[in-house]
């Protein structure tokens, strides 16, 4: 399969998502990393986005709440090249009513080769990477042949 390049600008578009039991952990992490996050454009689902905006004093573009379609909106934005990074603190110990949406969101992040952090340690590593603060060219599979087959 051939590949194509998608350029990410130095100021990334970062989606921040958290399950209810992980919201406080994400907010605490975001406050600790407030200066670093201020260099990027932030997105969030429903309540998480509102909480982040208040905690950081920085605008957060908000999607719907996850269970109401926000996870799918984030996934669509990833597929459209409008989100560069996904930080999703999810709760592995509690089943979610919208688990299929979460699986789809994570699949889209992998499909479109964006950095994904699902816990605090990975988010710390990601946020301290020099690549997060410079232009970056991500290699994407070329899905044009697959799309052509679907259009027939």
Foldseek 3Di string as FASTA:
>chain_A
DDKDKDKAALAFEEEEEEDPVCLVVSLVLCLVVLVLNQSHAAEYEDPSQVSNCVSNVDHYHYDYHVVVCRLVVLLVCLVVVNHQEYEYQYDPVDDDPVVVSVVSSVVSCVQSVHHYHHDSVSVVVVSPDSPSRHMDMDMHHPCVVVVVVVVD
